[in-house]
Every structure is written in structure tokens, then in C-alpha cells.
PDB file of N, CA and C in Angstrom:
ATOM      1  N   UNK A   1       0.827  -1.215   0.000  1.00  0.00           N
ATOM      2  CA  UNK A   1       0.000   0.000   0.000  1.00  0.00           C
ATOM      3  C   UNK A   1       0.847   1.246   0.000  1.00  0.00           C
ATOM      4  N   UNK A   2       0.215   2.383  -0.161  1.00  0.00           N
ATOM      5  CA  UNK A   2       0.925   3.661  -0.202  1.00  0.00           C
ATOM      6  C   UNK A   2       1.309   4.079   1.212  1.00  0.00           C
ATOM      7  N   UNK A   3       2.525   4.554   1.349  1.00  0.00           N
ATOM      8  CA  UNK A   3       2.942   5.071   2.650  1.00  0.00           C
ATOM      9  C   UNK A   3       2.648   6.556   2.692  1.00  0.00           C
ATOM     10  N   UNK A   4       2.769   7.134   3.883  1.00  0.00           N
ATOM     11  CA  UNK A   4       2.521   8.573   4.021  1.00  0.00           C
ATOM     12  C   UNK A   4       3.490   9.383   3.171  1.00  0.00           C
ATOM     13  N   UNK A   5       4.716   8.893   3.053  1.00  0.00           N
ATOM     14  CA  UNK A   5       5.738   9.628   2.299  1.00  0.00           C
ATOM     15  C   UNK A   5       5.324   9.781   0.836  1.00  0.00           C
ATOM     16  N   UNK A   6       4.589   8.788   0.301  1.00  0.00           N
ATOM     17  CA  UNK A   6       4.196   8.843  -1.106  1.00  0.00           C
ATOM     18  C   UNK A   6       3.265  10.003  -1.397  1.00  0.00           C
ATOM     19  N   UNK A   7       2.393  10.313  -0.455  1.00  0.00           N
ATOM     20  CA  UNK A   7       1.378  11.330  -0.716  1.00  0.00           C
ATOM     21  C   UNK A   7       1.859  12.734  -0.379  1.00  0.00           C
ATOM     22  N   UNK A   8       2.980  12.850   0.345  1.00  0.00           N
ATOM     23  CA  UNK A   8       3.452  14.156   0.790  1.00  0.00           C
ATOM     24  C   UNK A   8       4.188  14.918  -0.290  1.00  0.00           C
ATOM     25  N   UNK A   9       4.612  16.107   0.065  1.00  0.00           N
ATOM     26  CA  UNK A   9       5.389  16.934  -0.854  1.00  0.00           C
ATOM     27  C   UNK A   9       6.803  16.371  -0.948  1.00  0.00           C
ATOM     28  N   UNK A  10       7.597  16.952  -1.817  1.00  0.00           N
ATOM     29  CA  UNK A  10       8.990  16.521  -1.973  1.00  0.00           C
ATOM     30  C   UNK A  10       9.745  16.682  -0.654  1.00  0.00           C
ATOM     31  N   UNK A  11       9.424  17.748   0.075  1.00  0.00           N
ATOM     32  CA  UNK A  11      10.094  18.005   1.359  1.00  0.00           C
ATOM     33  C   UNK A  11       9.773  16.873   2.347  1.00  0.00           C
ATOM     34  N   UNK A  12       8.493  16.464   2.365  1.00  0.00           N
ATOM     35  CA  UNK A  12       8.111  15.352   3.240  1.00  0.00           C
ATOM     36  C   UNK A  12       8.870  14.094   2.844  1.00  0.00           C
ATOM     37  N   UNK A  13       8.978  13.869   1.540  1.00  0.00           N
ATOM     38  CA  UNK A  13       9.679  12.678   1.051  1.00  0.00           C
ATOM     39  C   UNK A  13      11.118  12.701   1.532  1.00  0.00           C
ATOM     40  N   UNK A  14      11.763  13.850   1.431  1.00  0.00           N
ATOM     41  CA  UNK A  14      13.152  13.972   1.849  1.00  0.00           C
ATOM     42  C   UNK A  14      13.281  13.668   3.329  1.00  0.00           C
ATOM     43  N   UNK A  15      12.437  14.284   4.153  1.00  0.00           N
ATOM     44  CA  UNK A  15      12.577  14.058   5.585  1.00  0.00           C
ATOM     45  C   UNK A  15      12.203  12.624   5.942  1.00  0.00           C
ATOM     46  N   UNK A  16      11.263  12.040   5.218  1.00  0.00           N
ATOM     47  CA  UNK A  16      10.910  10.636   5.458  1.00  0.00           C
ATOM     48  C   UNK A  16      12.096   9.747   5.098  1.00  0.00           C
ATOM     49  N   UNK A  17      12.760  10.083   3.981  1.00  0.00           N
ATOM     50  CA  UNK A  17      13.917   9.290   3.558  1.00  0.00           C
ATOM     51  C   UNK A  17      15.038   9.434   4.587  1.00  0.00           C
ATOM     52  N   UNK A  18      15.265  10.677   5.045  1.00  0.00           N
ATOM     53  CA  UNK A  18      16.303  10.901   6.054  1.00  0.00           C
ATOM     54  C   UNK A  18      15.985  10.134   7.328  1.00  0.00           C
ATOM     55  N   UNK A  19      14.725  10.186   7.736  1.00  0.00           N
ATOM     56  CA  UNK A  19      14.309   9.484   8.951  1.00  0.00           C
ATOM     57  C   UNK A  19      14.573   7.996   8.798  1.00  0.00           C
ATOM     58  N   UNK A  20      14.260   7.459   7.620  1.00  0.00           N
ATOM     59  CA  UNK A  20      14.453   6.028   7.414  1.00  0.00           C
ATOM     60  C   UNK A  20      15.945   5.691   7.375  1.00  0.00           C
ATOM     61  N   UNK A  21      16.762   6.587   6.811  1.00  0.00           N
ATOM     62  CA  UNK A  21      18.209   6.358   6.808  1.00  0.00           C
ATOM     63  C   UNK A  21      18.755   6.393   8.233  1.00  0.00           C
ATOM     64  N   UNK A  22      18.267   7.349   9.013  1.00  0.00           N
ATOM     65  CA  UNK A  22      18.706   7.438  10.409  1.00  0.00           C
ATOM     66  C   UNK A  22      18.292   6.190  11.177  1.00  0.00           C
ATOM     67  N   UNK A  23      17.085   5.714  10.895  1.00  0.00           N
ATOM     68  CA  UNK A  23      16.610   4.490  11.549  1.00  0.00           C
ATOM     69  C   UNK A  23      17.512   3.320  11.167  1.00  0.00           C
ATOM     70  N   UNK A  24      17.895   3.272   9.879  1.00  0.00           N
ATOM     71  CA  UNK A  24      18.800   2.213   9.419  1.00  0.00           C
ATOM     72  C   UNK A  24      20.134   2.289  10.155  1.00  0.00           C
ATOM     73  N   UNK A  25      20.637   3.501  10.323  1.00  0.00           N
ATOM     74  CA  UNK A  25      21.912   3.687  11.026  1.00  0.00           C
ATOM     75  C   UNK A  25      21.779   3.216  12.472  1.00  0.00           C
ATOM     76  N   UNK A  26      20.679   3.607  13.126  1.00  0.00           N
ATOM     77  CA  UNK A  26      20.451   3.174  14.507  1.00  0.00           C
ATOM     78  C   UNK A  26      20.414   1.657  14.597  1.00  0.00           C
ATOM     79  N   UNK A  27      19.676   1.040  13.666  1.00  0.00           N
ATOM     80  CA  UNK A  27      19.545  -0.417  13.663  1.00  0.00           C
ATOM     81  C   UNK A  27      20.926  -1.045  13.480  1.00  0.00           C
ATOM     82  N   UNK A  28      21.696  -0.512  12.539  1.00  0.00           N
ATOM     83  CA  UNK A  28      23.042  -1.011  12.273  1.00  0.00           C
ATOM     84  C   UNK A  28      23.908  -0.896  13.522  1.00  0.00           C
ATOM     85  N   UNK A  29      23.821   0.256  14.166  1.00  0.00           N
ATOM     86  CA  UNK A  29      24.600   0.499  15.380  1.00  0.00           C
ATOM     87  C   UNK A  29      24.251  -0.548  16.434  1.00  0.00           C
ATOM     88  N   UNK A  30      22.940  -0.812  16.599  1.00  0.00           N
ATOM     89  CA  UNK A  30      22.521  -1.801  17.604  1.00  0.00           C
ATOM     90  C   UNK A  30      22.953  -3.206  17.197  1.00  0.00           C
ATOM     91  N   UNK A  31      22.700  -3.571  15.924  1.00  0.00           N
ATOM     92  CA  UNK A  31      23.026  -4.919  15.452  1.00  0.00           C
ATOM     93  C   UNK A  31      24.523  -5.200  15.521  1.00  0.00           C
ATOM     94  N   UNK A  32      25.313  -4.236  15.088  1.00  0.00           N
ATOM     95  CA  UNK A  32      26.748  -4.453  14.980  1.00  0.00           C
ATOM     96  C   UNK A  32      27.478  -4.114  16.267  1.00  0.00           C
ATOM     97  N   UNK A  33      26.770  -3.515  17.204  1.00  0.00           N
ATOM     98  CA  UNK A  33      27.425  -3.100  18.435  1.00  0.00           C
ATOM     99  C   UNK A  33      28.472  -2.021  18.161  1.00  0.00           C
ATOM    100  N   UNK A  34      28.226  -1.239  17.115  1.00  0.00           N
ATOM    101  CA  UNK A  34      29.159  -0.166  16.774  1.00  0.00           C
ATOM    102  C   UNK A  34      29.179   0.847  17.913  1.00  0.00           C
ATOM    103  N   UNK A  35      30.330   1.384  18.166  1.00  0.00           N
ATOM    104  CA  UNK A  35      30.481   2.413  19.187  1.00  0.00           C
ATOM    105  C   UNK A  35      29.665   3.632  18.766  1.00  0.00           C
ATOM    106  N   UNK A  36      28.651   3.946  19.560  1.00  0.00           N
ATOM    107  CA  UNK A  36      27.738   5.045  19.206  1.00  0.00           C
ATOM    108  C   UNK A  36      28.469   6.366  19.049  1.00  0.00           C
ATOM    109  N   UNK A  37      29.467   6.612  19.876  1.00  0.00           N
ATOM    110  CA  UNK A  37      30.168   7.895  19.788  1.00  0.00           C
ATOM    111  C   UNK A  37      30.911   8.007  18.456  1.00  0.00           C
ATOM    112  N   UNK A  38      31.412   6.875  17.946  1.00  0.00           N
ATOM    113  CA  UNK A  38      32.095   6.895  16.648  1.00  0.00           C
ATOM    114  C   UNK A  38      31.109   7.233  15.541  1.00  0.00           C
ATOM    115  N   UNK A  39      29.935   6.623  15.615  1.00  0.00           N
ATOM    116  CA  UNK A  39      28.899   6.896  14.618  1.00  0.00           C
ATOM    117  C   UNK A  39      28.513   8.374  14.682  1.00  0.00           C
ATOM    118  N   UNK A  40      28.400   8.880  15.894  1.00  0.00           N
ATOM    119  CA  UNK A  40      28.040  10.279  16.119  1.00  0.00           C
ATOM    120  C   UNK A  40      29.117  11.191  15.541  1.00  0.00           C
ATOM    121  N   UNK A  41      30.379  10.820  15.776  1.00  0.00           N
ATOM    122  CA  UNK A  41      31.507  11.599  15.258  1.00  0.00           C
ATOM    123  C   UNK A  41      31.466  11.671  13.739  1.00  0.00           C
ATOM    124  N   UNK A  42      31.236  10.524  13.122  1.00  0.00           N
ATOM    125  CA  UNK A  42      31.188  10.465  11.662  1.00  0.00           C
ATOM    126  C   UNK A  42      30.091  11.378  11.135  1.00  0.00           C
ATOM    127  N   UNK A  43      28.945  11.316  11.801  1.00  0.00           N
ATOM    128  CA  UNK A  43      27.801  12.122  11.391  1.00  0.00           C
ATOM    129  C   UNK A  43      28.114  13.611  11.515  1.00  0.00           C
ATOM    130  N   UNK A  44      28.709  14.013  12.639  1.00  0.00           N
ATOM    131  CA  UNK A  44      28.977  15.439  12.818  1.00  0.00           C
ATOM    132  C   UNK A  44      30.095  15.902  11.894  1.00  0.00           C
ATOM    133  N   UNK A  45      31.002  15.007  11.543  1.00  0.00           N
ATOM    134  CA  UNK A  45      32.060  15.350  10.594  1.00  0.00           C
ATOM    135  C   UNK A  45      31.452  15.639   9.220  1.00  0.00           C
ATOM    136  N   UNK A  46      30.470  14.844   8.829  1.00  0.00           N
ATOM    137  CA  UNK A  46      29.761  15.071   7.562  1.00  0.00           C
ATOM    138  C   UNK A  46      29.054  16.419   7.608  1.00  0.00           C
ATOM    139  N   UNK A  47      28.405  16.711   8.730  1.00  0.00           N
ATOM    140  CA  UNK A  47      27.691  17.982   8.875  1.00  0.00           C
ATOM    141  C   UNK A  47      28.661  19.159   8.847  1.00  0.00           C
ATOM    142  N   UNK A  48      29.833  18.998   9.459  1.00  0.00           N
ATOM    143  CA  UNK A  48      30.857  20.053   9.439  1.00  0.00           C
ATOM    144  C   UNK A  48      31.289  20.354   8.014  1.00  0.00           C
ATOM    145  N   UNK A  49      31.566  19.286   7.255  1.00  0.00           N
ATOM    146  CA  UNK A  49      31.981  19.459   5.863  1.00  0.00           C
ATOM    147  C   UNK A  49      30.922  20.215   5.089  1.00  0.00           C
ATOM    148  N   UNK A  50      29.676  19.826   5.302  1.00  0.00           N
ATOM    149  CA  UNK A  50      28.557  20.459   4.606  1.00  0.00           C
ATOM    150  C   UNK A  50      28.491  21.936   4.974  1.00  0.00           C
ATOM    151  N   UNK A  51      28.665  22.224   6.251  1.00  0.00           N
ATOM    152  CA  UNK A  51      28.639  23.600   6.752  1.00  0.00           C
ATOM    153  C   UNK A  51      29.763  24.415   6.114  1.00  0.00           C
ATOM    154  N   UNK A  52      30.957  23.816   6.042  1.00  0.00           N
ATOM    155  CA  UNK A  52      32.107  24.507   5.447  1.00  0.00           C
ATOM    156  C   UNK A  52      31.849  24.806   3.977  1.00  0.00           C
ATOM    157  N   UNK A  53      31.284  23.834   3.267  1.00  0.00           N
ATOM    158  CA  UNK A  53      30.953  24.034   1.850  1.00  0.00           C
ATOM    159  C   UNK A  53      30.001  25.204   1.690  1.00  0.00           C
ATOM    160  N   UNK A  54      28.991  25.216   2.549  1.00  0.00           N
ATOM    161  CA  UNK A  54      27.976  26.265   2.507  1.00  0.00           C
ATOM    162  C   UNK A  54      28.614  27.632   2.753  1.00  0.00           C
ATOM    163  N   UNK A  55      29.479  27.699   3.762  1.00  0.00           N
ATOM    164  CA  UNK A  55      30.143  28.963   4.084  1.00  0.00           C
ATOM    165  C   UNK A  55      31.040  29.419   2.939  1.00  0.00           C
ATOM    166  N   UNK A  56      31.734  28.471   2.308  1.00  0.00           N
ATOM    167  CA  UNK A  56      32.599  28.800   1.171  1.00  0.00           C
ATOM    168  C   UNK A  56      31.762  29.354   0.025  1.00  0.00           C
ATOM    169  N   UNK A  57      30.600  28.740  -0.185  1.00  0.00           N
ATOM    170  CA  UNK A  57      29.693  29.183  -1.246  1.00  0.00           C
ATOM    171  C   UNK A  57      29.209  30.611  -0.971  1.00  0.00           C
ATOM    172  N   UNK A  58      28.819  30.870   0.273  1.00  0.00           N
ATOM    173  CA  UNK A  58      28.337  32.202   0.657  1.00  0.00           C
ATOM    174  C   UNK A  58      29.461  33.225   0.475  1.00  0.00           C
ATOM    175  N   UNK A  59      30.664  32.849   0.896  1.00  0.00           N
ATOM    176  CA  UNK A  59      31.824  33.737   0.763  1.00  0.00           C
ATOM    177  C   UNK A  59      32.066  34.058  -0.714  1.00  0.00           C
ATOM    178  N   UNK A  60      31.977  33.029  -1.568  1.00  0.00           N
ATOM    179  CA  UNK A  60      32.188  33.208  -3.009  1.00  0.00           C
ATOM    180  C   UNK A  60      31.148  34.170  -3.584  1.00  0.00           C
ATOM    181  N   UNK A  61      29.893  34.006  -3.153  1.00  0.00           N
ATOM    182  CA  UNK A  61      28.830  34.904  -3.627  1.00  0.00           C
ATOM    183  C   UNK A  61      29.110  36.343  -3.201  1.00  0.00           C
ATOM    184  N   UNK A  62      29.616  36.512  -1.964  1.00  0.00           N
ATOM    185  CA  UNK A  62      29.946  37.859  -1.479  1.00  0.00           C
ATOM    186  C   UNK A  62      31.051  38.469  -2.330  1.00  0.00           C
ATOM    187  N   UNK A  63      32.079  37.651  -2.636  1.00  0.00           N
ATOM    188  CA  UNK A  63      33.187  38.128  -3.472  1.00  0.00           C
ATOM    189  C   UNK A  63      32.660  38.532  -4.849  1.00  0.00           C
ATOM    190  N   UNK A  64      31.821  37.667  -5.429  1.00  0.00           N
ATOM    191  CA  UNK A  64      31.260  37.955  -6.754  1.00  0.00           C
ATOM    192  C   UNK A  64      30.437  39.234  -6.742  1.00  0.00           C
ATOM    193  N   UNK A  65      29.701  39.433  -5.652  1.00  0.00           N
ATOM    194  CA  UNK A  65      28.839  40.614  -5.553  1.00  0.00           C
ATOM    195  C   UNK A  65      29.652  41.905  -5.623  1.00  0.00           C
ATOM    196  N   UNK A  66      30.916  41.846  -5.168  1.00  0.00           N
ATOM    197  CA  UNK A  66      31.770  43.039  -5.161  1.00  0.00           C
ATOM    198  C   UNK A  66      32.304  43.379  -6.550  1.00  0.00           C
ATOM    199  N   UNK A  67      32.377  42.375  -7.431  1.00  0.00           N
ATOM    200  CA  UNK A  67      32.956  42.598  -8.755  1.00  0.00           C
ATOM    201  C   UNK A  67      32.057  43.530  -9.568  1.00  0.00           C
ATOM    202  N   UNK A  68      32.665  44.564 -10.109  1.00  0.00           N
ATOM    203  CA  UNK A  68      31.905  45.511 -10.944  1.00  0.00           C
ATOM    204  C   UNK A  68      31.970  45.032 -12.396  1.00  0.00           C
ATOM    205  N   UNK A  69      30.825  45.042 -13.053  1.00  0.00           N
ATOM    206  CA  UNK A  69      30.803  44.658 -14.467  1.00  0.00           C
ATOM    207  C   UNK A  69      30.226  45.806 -15.279  1.00  0.00           C
ATOM    208  N   UNK A  70      30.705  45.926 -16.508  1.00  0.00           N
ATOM    209  CA  UNK A  70      30.229  47.042 -17.321  1.00  0.00           C
ATOM    210  C   UNK A  70      28.883  46.710 -17.946  1.00  0.00           C
ATOM    211  N   UNK A  71      28.057  47.729 -18.015  1.00  0.00           N
ATOM    212  CA  UNK A  71      26.710  47.588 -18.553  1.00  0.00           C
ATOM    213  C   UNK A  71      26.756  47.119 -20.010  1.00  0.00           C
ATOM    214  N   UNK A  72      27.720  47.631 -20.758  1.00  0.00           N
ATOM    215  CA  UNK A  72      27.806  47.254 -22.177  1.00  0.00           C
ATOM    216  C   UNK A  72      28.134  45.776 -22.330  1.00  0.00           C
ATOM    217  N   UNK A  73      29.001  45.247 -21.460  1.00  0.00           N
ATOM    218  CA  UNK A  73      29.311  43.815 -21.500  1.00  0.00           C
ATOM    219  C   UNK A  73      28.071  42.985 -21.183  1.00  0.00           C
ATOM    220  N   UNK A  74      27.324  43.430 -20.181  1.00  0.00           N
ATOM    221  CA  UNK A  74      26.092  42.722 -19.803  1.00  0.00           C
ATOM    222  C   UNK A  74      25.131  42.722 -20.990  1.00  0.00           C
ATOM    223  N   UNK A  75      24.913  43.888 -21.571  1.00  0.00           N
ATOM    224  CA  UNK A  75      23.985  43.996 -22.706  1.00  0.00           C
ATOM    225  C   UNK A  75      24.446  43.143 -23.880  1.00  0.00           C
ATOM    226  N   UNK A  76      25.755  43.109 -24.108  1.00  0.00           N
ATOM    227  CA  UNK A  76      26.316  42.300 -25.184  1.00  0.00           C
ATOM    228  C   UNK A  76      25.973  40.823 -24.978  1.00  0.00           C
ATOM    229  N   UNK A  77      26.214  40.316 -23.772  1.00  0.00           N
ATOM    230  CA  UNK A  77      25.923  38.904 -23.481  1.00  0.00           C
ATOM    231  C   UNK A  77      24.434  38.613 -23.599  1.00  0.00           C
ATOM    232  N   UNK A  78      23.616  39.523 -23.080  1.00  0.00           N
ATOM    233  CA  UNK A  78      22.165  39.328 -23.142  1.00  0.00           C
ATOM    234  C   UNK A  78      21.742  39.183 -24.602  1.00  0.00           C
ATOM    235  N   UNK A  79      22.258  40.062 -25.447  1.00  0.00           N
ATOM    236  CA  UNK A  79      21.872  40.076 -26.860  1.00  0.00           C
ATOM    237  C   UNK A  79      22.488  38.896 -27.623  1.00  0.00           C
ATOM    238  N   UNK A  80      23.810  38.770 -27.536  1.00  0.00           N
ATOM    239  CA  UNK A  80      24.530  37.779 -28.338  1.00  0.00           C
ATOM    240  C   UNK A  80      24.325  36.347 -27.851  1.00  0.00           C
ATOM    241  N   UNK A  81      24.300  36.158 -26.540  1.00  0.00           N
ATOM    242  CA  UNK A  81      24.219  34.804 -25.993  1.00  0.00           C
ATOM    243  C   UNK A  81      22.791  34.444 -25.575  1.00  0.00           C
ATOM    244  N   UNK A  82      21.880  35.370 -25.811  1.00  0.00           N
ATOM    245  CA  UNK A  82      20.463  35.157 -25.481  1.00  0.00           C
ATOM    246  C   UNK A  82      20.290  34.650 -24.054  1.00  0.00           C
ATOM    247  N   UNK A  83      20.822  35.400 -23.112  1.00  0.00           N
ATOM    248  CA  UNK A  83      20.689  35.026 -21.711  1.00  0.00           C
ATOM    249  C   UNK A  83      20.051  36.172 -20.940  1.00  0.00           C
ATOM    250  N   UNK A  84      19.612  35.854 -19.728  1.00  0.00           N
ATOM    251  CA  UNK A  84      18.985  36.891 -18.906  1.00  0.00           C
ATOM    252  C   UNK A  84      20.063  37.847 -18.416  1.00  0.00           C
ATOM    253  N   UNK A  85      19.631  39.018 -18.002  1.00  0.00           N
ATOM    254  CA  UNK A  85      20.551  40.037 -17.480  1.00  0.00           C
ATOM    255  C   UNK A  85      21.282  39.484 -16.246  1.00  0.00           C
ATOM    256  N   UNK A  86      20.547  38.810 -15.365  1.00  0.00           N
ATOM    257  CA  UNK A  86      21.154  38.248 -14.151  1.00  0.00           C
ATOM    258  C   UNK A  86      22.232  37.223 -14.490  1.00  0.00           C
ATOM    259  N   UNK A  87      21.905  36.335 -15.432  1.00  0.00           N
ATOM    260  CA  UNK A  87      22.858  35.293 -15.823  1.00  0.00           C
ATOM    261  C   UNK A  87      24.098  35.924 -16.452  1.00  0.00           C
ATOM    262  N   UNK A  88      23.879  36.944 -17.282  1.00  0.00           N
ATOM    263  CA  UNK A  88      24.995  37.628 -17.938  1.00  0.00           C
ATOM    264  C   UNK A  88      25.889  38.305 -16.898  1.00  0.00           C
ATOM    265  N   UNK A  89      25.267  38.992 -15.943  1.00  0.00           N
ATOM    266  CA  UNK A  89      26.040  39.668 -14.889  1.00  0.00           C
ATOM    267  C   UNK A  89      26.869  38.667 -14.100  1.00  0.00           C
ATOM    268  N   UNK A  90      26.240  37.549 -13.739  1.00  0.00           N
ATOM    269  CA  UNK A  90      26.943  36.529 -12.958  1.00  0.00           C
ATOM    270  C   UNK A  90      28.134  35.988 -13.740  1.00  0.00           C
ATOM    271  N   UNK A  91      27.910  35.670 -15.002  1.00  0.00           N
ATOM    272  CA  UNK A  91      28.969  35.134 -15.856  1.00  0.00           C
ATOM    273  C   UNK A  91      30.139  36.126 -15.928  1.00  0.00           C
ATOM    274  N   UNK A  92      29.830  37.390 -16.084  1.00  0.00           N
ATOM    275  CA  UNK A  92      30.878  38.422 -16.149  1.00  0.00           C
ATOM    276  C   UNK A  92      31.589  38.577 -14.808  1.00  0.00           C
ATOM    277  N   UNK A  93      30.852  38.512 -13.720  1.00  0.00           N
ATOM    278  CA  UNK A  93      31.461  38.630 -12.391  1.00  0.00           C
ATOM    279  C   UNK A  93      32.453  37.491 -12.167  1.00  0.00           C
ATOM    280  N   UNK A  94      32.052  36.278 -12.552  1.00  0.00           N
ATOM    281  CA  UNK A  94      32.928  35.114 -12.400  1.00  0.00           C
ATOM    282  C   UNK A  94      34.238  35.356 -13.150  1.00  0.00           C
ATOM    283  N   UNK A  95      34.134  35.980 -14.330  1.00  0.00           N
ATOM    284  CA  UNK A  95      35.323  36.217 -15.165  1.00  0.00           C
ATOM    285  C   UNK A  95      35.874  37.630 -15.005  1.00  0.00           C
ATOM    286  N   UNK A  96      35.533  38.276 -13.894  1.00  0.00           N
ATOM    287  CA  UNK A  96      36.024  39.623 -13.580  1.00  0.00           C
ATOM    288  C   UNK A  96      35.816  40.587 -14.745  1.00  0.00           C
ATOM    289  N   UNK A  97      34.630  40.548 -15.320  1.00  0.00           N
ATOM    290  CA  UNK A  97      34.199  41.446 -16.396  1.00  0.00           C
ATOM    291  C   UNK A  97      34.975  41.239 -17.705  1.00  0.00           C
ATOM    292  N   UNK A  98      35.613  40.076 -17.853  1.00  0.00           N
ATOM    293  CA  UNK A  98      36.293  39.762 -19.114  1.00  0.00           C
ATOM    294  C   UNK A  98      35.286  39.091 -20.043  1.00  0.00           C
ATOM    295  N   UNK A  99      34.757  39.891 -20.967  1.00  0.00           N
ATOM    296  CA  UNK A  99      33.678  39.406 -21.825  1.00  0.00           C
ATOM    297  C   UNK A  99      34.146  38.264 -22.728  1.00  0.00           C
ATOM    298  N   UNK A 100      35.402  38.291 -23.157  1.00  0.00           N
ATOM    299  CA  UNK A 100      35.933  37.235 -24.030  1.00  0.00           C
ATOM    300  C   UNK A 100      35.948  35.896 -23.301  1.00  0.00           C
ATOM    301  N   UNK A 101      36.471  35.899 -22.070  1.00  0.00           N
ATOM    302  CA  UNK A 101      36.489  34.666 -21.269  1.00  0.00           C
ATOM    303  C   UNK A 101      35.071  34.170 -21.004  1.00  0.00           C
ATOM    304  N   UNK A 102      34.183  35.103 -20.689  1.00  0.00           N
ATOM    305  CA  UNK A 102      32.794  34.736 -20.394  1.00  0.00           C
ATOM    306  C   UNK A 102      32.160  34.050 -21.597  1.00  0.00           C
ATOM    307  N   UNK A 103      32.346  34.639 -22.780  1.00  0.00           N
ATOM    308  CA  UNK A 103      31.768  34.058 -24.003  1.00  0.00           C
ATOM    309  C   UNK A 103      32.396  32.699 -24.289  1.00  0.00           C
ATOM    310  N   UNK A 104      33.723  32.607 -24.135  1.00  0.00           N
ATOM    311  CA  UNK A 104      34.406  31.326 -24.377  1.00  0.00           C
ATOM    312  C   UNK A 104      33.813  30.218 -23.527  1.00  0.00           C
ATOM    313  N   UNK A 105      33.633  30.515 -22.243  1.00  0.00           N
ATOM    314  CA  UNK A 105      33.106  29.479 -21.351  1.00  0.00           C
ATOM    315  C   UNK A 105      31.680  29.108 -21.737  1.00  0.00           C
ATOM    316  N   UNK A 106      30.885  30.106 -22.094  1.00  0.00           N
ATOM    317  CA  UNK A 106      29.497  29.838 -22.482  1.00  0.00           C
ATOM    318  C   UNK A 106      29.450  28.966 -23.732  1.00  0.00           C
ATOM    319  N   UNK A 107      30.337  29.229 -24.676  1.00  0.00           N
ATOM    320  CA  UNK A 107      30.368  28.435 -25.903  1.00  0.00           C
ATOM    321  C   UNK A 107      30.872  27.026 -25.632  1.00  0.00           C
ATOM    322  N   UNK A 108      31.761  26.898 -24.668  1.00  0.00           N
ATOM    323  CA  UNK A 108      32.342  25.593 -24.342  1.00  0.00           C
ATOM    324  C   UNK A 108      31.361  24.706 -23.588  1.00  0.00           C
ATOM    325  N   UNK A 109      30.434  25.340 -22.834  1.00  0.00           N
ATOM    326  CA  UNK A 109      29.555  24.523 -21.984  1.00  0.00           C
ATOM    327  C   UNK A 109      28.347  24.007 -22.735  1.00  0.00           C
TER     328      UNK A 109
END
């Protein structure tokens, strides 16, 4: 039959899946007699890595936000590469307003 997770939103599905994974880990810990503190350490190490990635991403966005790009370069990309103004600005910021590099990467991808 259908479980509750099937009828819920994607968010419910994710948390249901996480809950079931956590339950599996608990069961494994009990069955195998794994040292709970080691399992806990592994889990928090994964969370730390995730947190660091997130912080690095936020830092990168802050750096990108500081980069000034010329309006003409943005308009050029919007027109020539048929992209949104936001996408064009981001692409230019990544390449420090070097329109040639930005176009090269867009053509390569």
C-alpha cells in the first residue's frame, strides 16, 4: 500500500527518507554493536563538511557581488548569448568582467 511519504510533498519525502536512513543507522549500530560515539563523530564530521561548503559558497557569492561589471558587456551577453541580465552579470562577475572569457566558457559549456 501507499505510505505517508508517497502522498506528501517533496520536502516530506526527503525528511521521510532521512528518517528512514537514520533508523537504518540506529539499527546497524545496535546490530553491529558499533560504538555510538564513533557513529556520532562520523555524522557530525559530515555535517561540518557540509557547513564549510555552505560557508565557502556564501563567501564566493559575497566576493562575486563586489565585482563591478560594465553595462555594455552585460547587454552584449544578453543580446549575443540570449541570456537573462542576471545570468549575464553573474557570468561576467565570475570572469572579472572579461567578456571574451565569459563568451568562451558559455560556448564551451
